[in-house]
Every structure is written in C-alpha cells, then in structure tokens.
Amino acid sequence: MTDTVPLIQPGDLVEGAASGSTFGSKVRVRVDREPWSGGVTSEGRANTVLSDGRGVHMVYTDTIRIIERAN
C-alpha cells in the first residue's frame, strides 16, 4: 500500500477504511471536491479527508480505492 492519494475528482465514488475505526468500518462516498490531507496518526498512518457535500469523512490514505469514475 502507499500513502499517495489516487487522483480523485468531483463525482467519483470512493471507498476507504474509516480512520480510527477499531472494526475496519468502510466509508463509501461520492465526493464533491478533491480530497485533502487529514494529517498522520500516532501510528504513522496518513489520513485523507473526503467530502460528499453533506459532511466530511476521514479515511486511511492507504485504503482508498476508486469504485466508479465520474462521467
């Protein structure tokens, strides 16, 4: 895995593991803007913030995958 965020554009459907989740919860959102850095955890894992227009979701950067590209 990598700490580099894949090229995500508004309208893409994106999935990742919720940062801080002890159960490996997945977050799936259709983003409304480009993601931004959420810093680094105390364990050294990078976080990325995803926005869907209603709220923001912090996920581990190395778990992000693009499910569907915007048209």
Protein backbone atom coordinates (compact mmCIF):
# COMPACT_ATOMS: atom_id res chain seq x y z
CA MET A 1 0.00 0.00 0.00
CA THR A 2 1.02 3.60 -0.42
CA ASP A 3 0.44 6.90 1.33
CA THR A 4 -0.23 8.59 -2.00
CA VAL A 5 -3.82 9.57 -2.71
CA PRO A 6 -5.03 8.36 -6.11
CA LEU A 7 -6.25 11.09 -8.46
CA ILE A 8 -9.79 11.67 -7.20
CA GLN A 9 -12.09 14.14 -8.92
CA PRO A 10 -15.54 15.50 -8.02
CA GLY A 11 -18.23 12.94 -8.79
CA ASP A 12 -16.01 9.88 -8.21
CA LEU A 13 -17.36 7.14 -5.94
CA VAL A 14 -14.60 6.39 -3.43
CA GLU A 15 -14.19 3.85 -0.63
CA GLY A 16 -11.76 3.66 2.28
CA ALA A 17 -11.38 2.41 5.85
CA ALA A 18 -12.61 4.91 8.43
CA SER A 19 -9.70 6.40 10.31
CA GLY A 20 -9.67 5.38 13.96
CA SER A 21 -12.17 2.58 13.45
CA THR A 22 -11.49 -0.48 15.57
CA PHE A 23 -13.81 -2.63 13.45
CA GLY A 24 -12.46 -1.75 10.00
CA SER A 25 -15.57 0.21 9.05
CA LYS A 26 -15.68 1.20 5.39
CA VAL A 27 -16.75 4.61 4.18
CA ARG A 28 -18.15 4.94 0.65
CA VAL A 29 -18.90 8.42 -0.68
CA ARG A 30 -19.42 10.23 -3.97
CA VAL A 31 -17.02 13.11 -3.48
CA ASP A 32 -17.97 16.69 -4.34
CA ARG A 33 -14.40 18.05 -4.37
CA GLU A 34 -10.79 16.94 -4.38
CA PRO A 35 -9.70 15.30 -1.10
CA TRP A 36 -7.19 16.89 1.28
CA SER A 37 -4.72 15.69 3.87
CA GLY A 38 -6.00 14.74 7.30
CA GLY A 39 -2.55 14.51 8.84
CA VAL A 40 -0.81 11.45 10.25
CA THR A 41 -1.95 9.18 13.10
CA SER A 42 0.21 8.44 16.13
CA GLU A 43 0.94 5.07 14.48
CA GLY A 44 2.32 6.88 11.42
CA ARG A 45 -0.58 6.22 9.04
CA ALA A 46 -1.60 9.03 6.71
CA ASN A 47 -5.24 10.18 6.66
CA THR A 48 -7.23 11.74 3.85
CA VAL A 49 -10.43 13.76 4.19
CA LEU A 50 -13.25 13.02 1.73
CA SER A 51 -16.22 15.38 1.34
CA ASP A 52 -19.61 14.43 -0.08
CA GLY A 53 -21.26 17.85 0.20
CA ARG A 54 -23.13 16.92 3.40
CA GLY A 55 -20.15 16.18 5.61
CA VAL A 56 -16.56 15.05 5.69
CA HIS A 57 -15.11 11.60 6.32
CA MET A 58 -11.55 10.79 7.40
CA VAL A 59 -10.11 7.58 5.96
CA TYR A 60 -6.71 5.91 5.98
CA THR A 61 -4.95 7.03 2.80
CA ASP A 62 -3.52 3.58 2.09
CA THR A 63 -7.03 2.05 1.91
CA ILE A 64 -8.57 4.43 -0.64
CA ARG A 65 -9.85 2.95 -3.86
CA ILE A 66 -11.95 4.45 -6.59
CA ILE A 67 -15.12 2.40 -7.17
CA GLU A 68 -16.54 4.44 -10.04
CA ARG A 69 -15.27 7.40 -12.05
CA ALA A 70 -17.45 10.44 -12.68
CA ASN A 71 -18.86 10.77 -16.20
